[in-house]
């Protein structure tokens, strides 16, 4: 993805390369690169809502091309964008992101008032087994009174065979645990796990780990924006 982002920026959107996405569950797909560079007015309502709610010291996780951080800067808010791709970070810096850092979310140690995980940002958790690690990490880096704003989708509709009848393949522990692989031109990344979570399960897991998860708003197609906070004592 980093190579695609850098190329798109360098060619001012004229790149002929496609960011291809492969998964055993679906036909080959493509991420339109322009969506990674969109302005605030072009963002889905859920993302706009998250940016409006973000406050204090903000951490933009998996920032990509930095579109969310740039929108936050335009609002006069203080945000740090992190990504594990060196090319993504270099591109963000060239685009005017004031604080773009090459960093893995799991290794962040500073505290933030708002942690943003957008464009199905919770997906980086990978599997349900890593949820305890996720809640431990946000407990460590979330300031007192802080919030996590993330979006996801309940992809049960993918397995719907009739109205309200869901058939989950027997090999799957949870229908939201998928795997993907990306390719840009001749660069093919390794396969990685990606998590989609339904709002009820997110709320249950948050409760188990000392947090609350509230759905702030639902999107048009099984997607939702959630706010996670520590339980009030």
Protein backbone atom coordinates (compact mmCIF):
# COMPACT_ATOMS: atom_id res chain seq x y z
CA UNK A 1 0.00 0.00 0.00
CA UNK A 2 2.86 2.37 0.80
CA UNK A 3 4.29 2.00 -2.70
CA UNK A 4 0.89 2.71 -4.23
CA UNK A 5 0.38 5.79 -2.05
CA UNK A 6 3.84 7.18 -2.88
CA UNK A 7 3.37 6.54 -6.60
CA UNK A 8 -0.08 8.13 -6.70
CA UNK A 9 1.23 11.26 -4.98
CA UNK A 10 4.36 11.44 -7.14
CA UNK A 11 2.36 11.22 -10.38
CA UNK A 12 -0.39 13.54 -9.15
CA UNK A 13 -2.95 10.75 -9.50
CA UNK A 14 -1.86 9.65 -12.95
CA UNK A 15 -0.36 6.31 -11.91
CA UNK A 16 -1.43 3.36 -14.04
CA UNK A 17 -0.93 0.92 -11.18
CA UNK A 18 -3.82 -0.68 -9.29
CA UNK A 19 -3.85 -1.62 -5.62
CA UNK A 20 -5.18 -5.15 -5.98
CA UNK A 21 -6.68 -7.07 -3.06
CA UNK A 22 -6.93 -10.85 -2.81
CA UNK A 23 -8.82 -12.99 -0.30
CA UNK A 24 -9.78 -16.69 -0.24
CA UNK A 25 -13.33 -15.58 0.57
CA UNK A 26 -13.89 -13.18 -2.34
CA UNK A 27 -13.07 -12.46 -5.95
CA UNK A 28 -10.11 -10.18 -6.61
CA UNK A 29 -10.90 -6.60 -5.64
CA UNK A 30 -9.23 -3.19 -5.94
CA UNK A 31 -8.82 -0.22 -3.60
CA UNK A 32 -9.31 3.01 -5.58
CA UNK A 33 -6.22 5.03 -4.66
CA UNK A 34 -8.06 8.33 -4.82
CA UNK A 35 -10.11 7.30 -1.75
CA UNK A 36 -6.88 7.37 0.30
CA UNK A 37 -6.39 11.03 -0.68
CA UNK A 38 -9.96 12.27 -0.26
CA UNK A 39 -10.89 15.61 1.26
CA UNK A 40 -13.19 15.95 4.28
CA UNK A 41 -16.25 16.66 2.09
CA UNK A 42 -15.65 13.41 0.18
CA UNK A 43 -15.47 11.22 3.29
CA UNK A 44 -18.34 8.99 4.46
CA UNK A 45 -20.55 10.42 7.20
CA UNK A 46 -19.07 8.00 9.79
CA UNK A 47 -15.56 9.30 9.18
CA UNK A 48 -16.71 12.92 9.29
CA UNK A 49 -18.48 12.24 12.58
CA UNK A 50 -15.34 10.67 14.07
CA UNK A 51 -13.22 13.68 13.08
CA UNK A 52 -15.77 16.02 14.63
CA UNK A 53 -15.71 14.04 17.92
CA UNK A 54 -11.90 13.76 18.08
CA UNK A 55 -10.38 16.06 20.69
CA UNK A 56 -7.25 16.72 22.73
CA UNK A 57 -4.09 14.91 21.66
CA UNK A 58 -5.16 12.69 18.77
CA UNK A 59 -3.47 9.56 17.41
CA UNK A 60 -4.42 8.60 13.83
CA UNK A 61 -3.60 4.87 13.55
CA UNK A 62 -2.70 3.40 10.16
CA UNK A 63 -2.91 6.86 8.65
CA UNK A 64 -1.97 5.82 5.09
CA UNK A 65 -1.84 8.97 2.96
CA UNK A 66 -2.86 11.14 5.92
CA UNK A 67 -6.27 12.33 4.73
CA UNK A 68 -7.83 12.20 8.21
CA UNK A 69 -4.91 13.95 9.92
CA UNK A 70 -4.90 16.69 7.28
CA UNK A 71 -8.63 17.22 7.86
CA UNK A 72 -8.00 17.43 11.62
CA UNK A 73 -5.23 19.99 11.05
CA UNK A 74 -7.66 22.06 8.97
CA UNK A 75 -9.99 22.01 11.98
CA UNK A 76 -7.18 23.34 14.18
CA UNK A 77 -6.79 20.07 16.06
CA UNK A 78 -3.53 18.46 17.19
CA UNK A 79 -2.96 15.04 15.62
CA UNK A 80 -0.12 12.56 15.21
CA UNK A 81 -0.33 10.19 12.24
CA UNK A 82 1.38 6.80 12.47
CA UNK A 83 1.89 4.07 9.91
CA UNK A 84 4.18 1.06 9.51
CA UNK A 85 5.00 1.97 5.90
CA UNK A 86 8.03 4.22 5.43
CA UNK A 87 6.73 5.33 2.02
CA UNK A 88 3.36 6.27 3.52
CA UNK A 89 5.04 8.36 6.23
CA UNK A 90 7.29 10.11 3.69
CA UNK A 91 4.24 10.89 1.54
CA UNK A 92 2.31 12.27 4.50
CA UNK A 93 5.20 14.55 5.36
CA UNK A 94 5.34 15.83 1.77
CA UNK A 95 1.58 16.46 1.87
CA UNK A 96 1.90 18.69 4.92
CA UNK A 97 1.12 16.35 7.82
CA UNK A 98 2.88 18.07 10.71
CA UNK A 99 3.44 14.96 12.83
CA UNK A 100 3.83 11.81 10.71
CA UNK A 101 5.73 9.02 12.44
CA UNK A 102 6.92 5.58 11.36
CA UNK A 103 5.48 3.55 14.22
CA UNK A 104 3.62 0.35 14.98
CA UNK A 105 0.40 0.86 16.96
CA UNK A 106 1.32 -2.03 19.24
CA UNK A 107 4.54 -0.26 20.28
CA UNK A 108 3.09 3.18 21.02
CA UNK A 109 3.80 4.30 24.59
CA UNK A 110 2.72 7.96 24.72
CA UNK A 111 -0.75 8.82 25.98
CA UNK A 112 -3.50 10.30 23.81
CA UNK A 113 -6.96 11.73 24.45
CA UNK A 114 -8.39 10.32 21.22
CA UNK A 115 -7.26 7.25 19.30
CA UNK A 116 -8.65 7.21 15.76
CA UNK A 117 -8.92 3.91 13.87
CA UNK A 118 -10.81 4.62 10.66
CA UNK A 119 -11.49 2.85 7.35
CA UNK A 120 -12.28 -0.30 9.33
CA UNK A 121 -9.33 0.54 11.54
CA UNK A 122 -10.15 -2.19 14.04
CA UNK A 123 -9.12 -4.60 11.32
CA UNK A 124 -5.45 -4.33 12.37
CA UNK A 125 -6.29 -6.44 15.42
CA UNK A 126 -6.50 -9.35 13.01
CA UNK A 127 -8.36 -11.96 15.07
CA UNK A 128 -10.62 -12.16 18.10
CA UNK A 129 -7.76 -13.77 20.05
CA UNK A 130 -5.87 -10.48 19.89
CA UNK A 131 -8.69 -8.43 21.43
CA UNK A 132 -7.24 -8.77 24.97
CA UNK A 133 -3.94 -7.37 23.64
CA UNK A 134 -5.83 -4.52 21.99
CA UNK A 135 -7.64 -3.52 25.16
CA UNK A 136 -4.41 -3.80 27.15
CA UNK A 137 -2.68 -1.49 24.66
CA UNK A 138 -5.38 1.17 24.65
CA UNK A 139 -5.51 1.01 28.45
CA UNK A 140 -1.80 1.84 28.44
CA UNK A 141 -1.91 4.74 25.96
CA UNK A 142 -5.35 6.24 26.55
CA UNK A 143 -5.28 9.35 28.75
CA UNK A 144 -7.75 9.68 31.63
CA UNK A 145 -11.17 10.42 30.18
CA UNK A 146 -9.93 9.47 26.70
CA UNK A 147 -11.77 7.77 23.87
CA UNK A 148 -11.16 5.39 20.98
CA UNK A 149 -13.16 6.13 17.83
CA UNK A 150 -13.23 3.26 15.36
CA UNK A 151 -15.38 1.96 12.56
CA UNK A 152 -16.11 -1.56 11.41
CA UNK A 153 -18.75 -3.57 9.58
CA UNK A 154 -20.92 -6.51 10.54
CA UNK A 155 -20.29 -8.64 7.46
CA UNK A 156 -22.93 -11.26 8.32
CA UNK A 157 -24.69 -10.26 5.08
CA UNK A 158 -21.90 -11.99 3.14
CA UNK A 159 -23.13 -15.33 4.51
CA UNK A 160 -26.86 -14.67 4.20
CA UNK A 161 -28.56 -17.40 2.17
CA UNK A 162 -32.14 -16.28 2.83
CA UNK A 163 -33.77 -13.45 4.77
CA UNK A 164 -32.30 -13.51 8.30
CA UNK A 165 -30.71 -16.94 7.71
CA UNK A 166 -26.92 -16.93 8.04
CA UNK A 167 -24.75 -19.91 7.14
CA UNK A 168 -21.17 -19.65 8.40
CA UNK A 169 -18.54 -21.95 6.81
CA UNK A 170 -17.52 -24.69 9.25
CA UNK A 171 -13.82 -23.80 9.05
CA UNK A 172 -14.41 -20.28 10.43
CA UNK A 173 -14.30 -19.58 14.17
CA UNK A 174 -15.92 -16.19 13.59
CA UNK A 175 -17.31 -14.88 10.32
CA UNK A 176 -15.49 -11.56 10.68
CA UNK A 177 -12.00 -13.10 10.68
CA UNK A 178 -10.69 -12.83 7.13
CA UNK A 179 -7.30 -12.82 5.45
CA UNK A 180 -6.05 -10.57 2.68
CA UNK A 181 -3.08 -10.01 0.44
CA UNK A 182 -2.29 -6.86 -1.57
CA UNK A 183 -0.36 -6.24 -4.76
CA UNK A 184 0.74 -3.05 -6.47
CA UNK A 185 2.44 -3.54 -9.83
CA UNK A 186 5.07 -6.24 -9.13
CA UNK A 187 5.13 -5.67 -5.36
CA UNK A 188 3.11 -8.34 -3.57
CA UNK A 189 2.74 -8.18 0.19
CA UNK A 190 2.44 -11.07 2.60
CA UNK A 191 -0.97 -12.42 3.57
CA UNK A 192 -2.35 -10.82 6.73
CA UNK A 193 -5.38 -11.38 9.00
CA UNK A 194 -8.08 -8.70 9.16
CA UNK A 195 -10.97 -8.40 11.59
CA UNK A 196 -14.51 -7.18 11.02
CA UNK A 197 -16.54 -7.18 14.22
CA UNK A 198 -20.25 -6.85 14.88
CA UNK A 199 -21.34 -4.16 17.37
CA UNK A 200 -22.83 -6.59 19.92
CA UNK A 201 -19.61 -8.59 20.16
CA UNK A 202 -17.53 -5.41 20.40
CA UNK A 203 -19.66 -4.25 23.31
CA UNK A 204 -19.36 -7.64 25.05
CA UNK A 205 -15.58 -7.73 24.66
CA UNK A 206 -15.20 -4.14 25.84
CA UNK A 207 -17.17 -4.94 29.01
CA UNK A 208 -14.92 -7.93 29.73
CA UNK A 209 -11.85 -5.72 29.66
CA UNK A 210 -13.04 -2.77 31.70
CA UNK A 211 -14.36 -0.59 28.88
CA UNK A 212 -17.66 0.46 27.36
CA UNK A 213 -18.33 0.46 23.62
CA UNK A 214 -21.14 2.63 22.33
CA UNK A 215 -22.32 2.78 18.73
CA UNK A 216 -22.28 6.48 17.87
CA UNK A 217 -23.80 6.11 14.42
CA UNK A 218 -24.70 3.46 11.88
CA UNK A 219 -23.81 3.70 8.22
CA UNK A 220 -25.85 2.71 5.21
CA UNK A 221 -24.61 -0.86 4.83
CA UNK A 222 -23.91 -2.75 8.08
CA UNK A 223 -21.08 -0.35 8.97
CA UNK A 224 -20.93 1.61 12.22
CA UNK A 225 -18.83 4.07 14.21
CA UNK A 226 -18.14 3.12 17.83
CA UNK A 227 -16.71 5.00 20.79
CA UNK A 228 -14.76 3.05 23.40
CA UNK A 229 -14.09 4.50 26.85
CA UNK A 230 -12.98 3.16 30.20
CA UNK A 231 -15.83 2.19 32.52
CA UNK A 232 -16.74 4.90 34.99
CA UNK A 233 -15.92 3.89 38.55
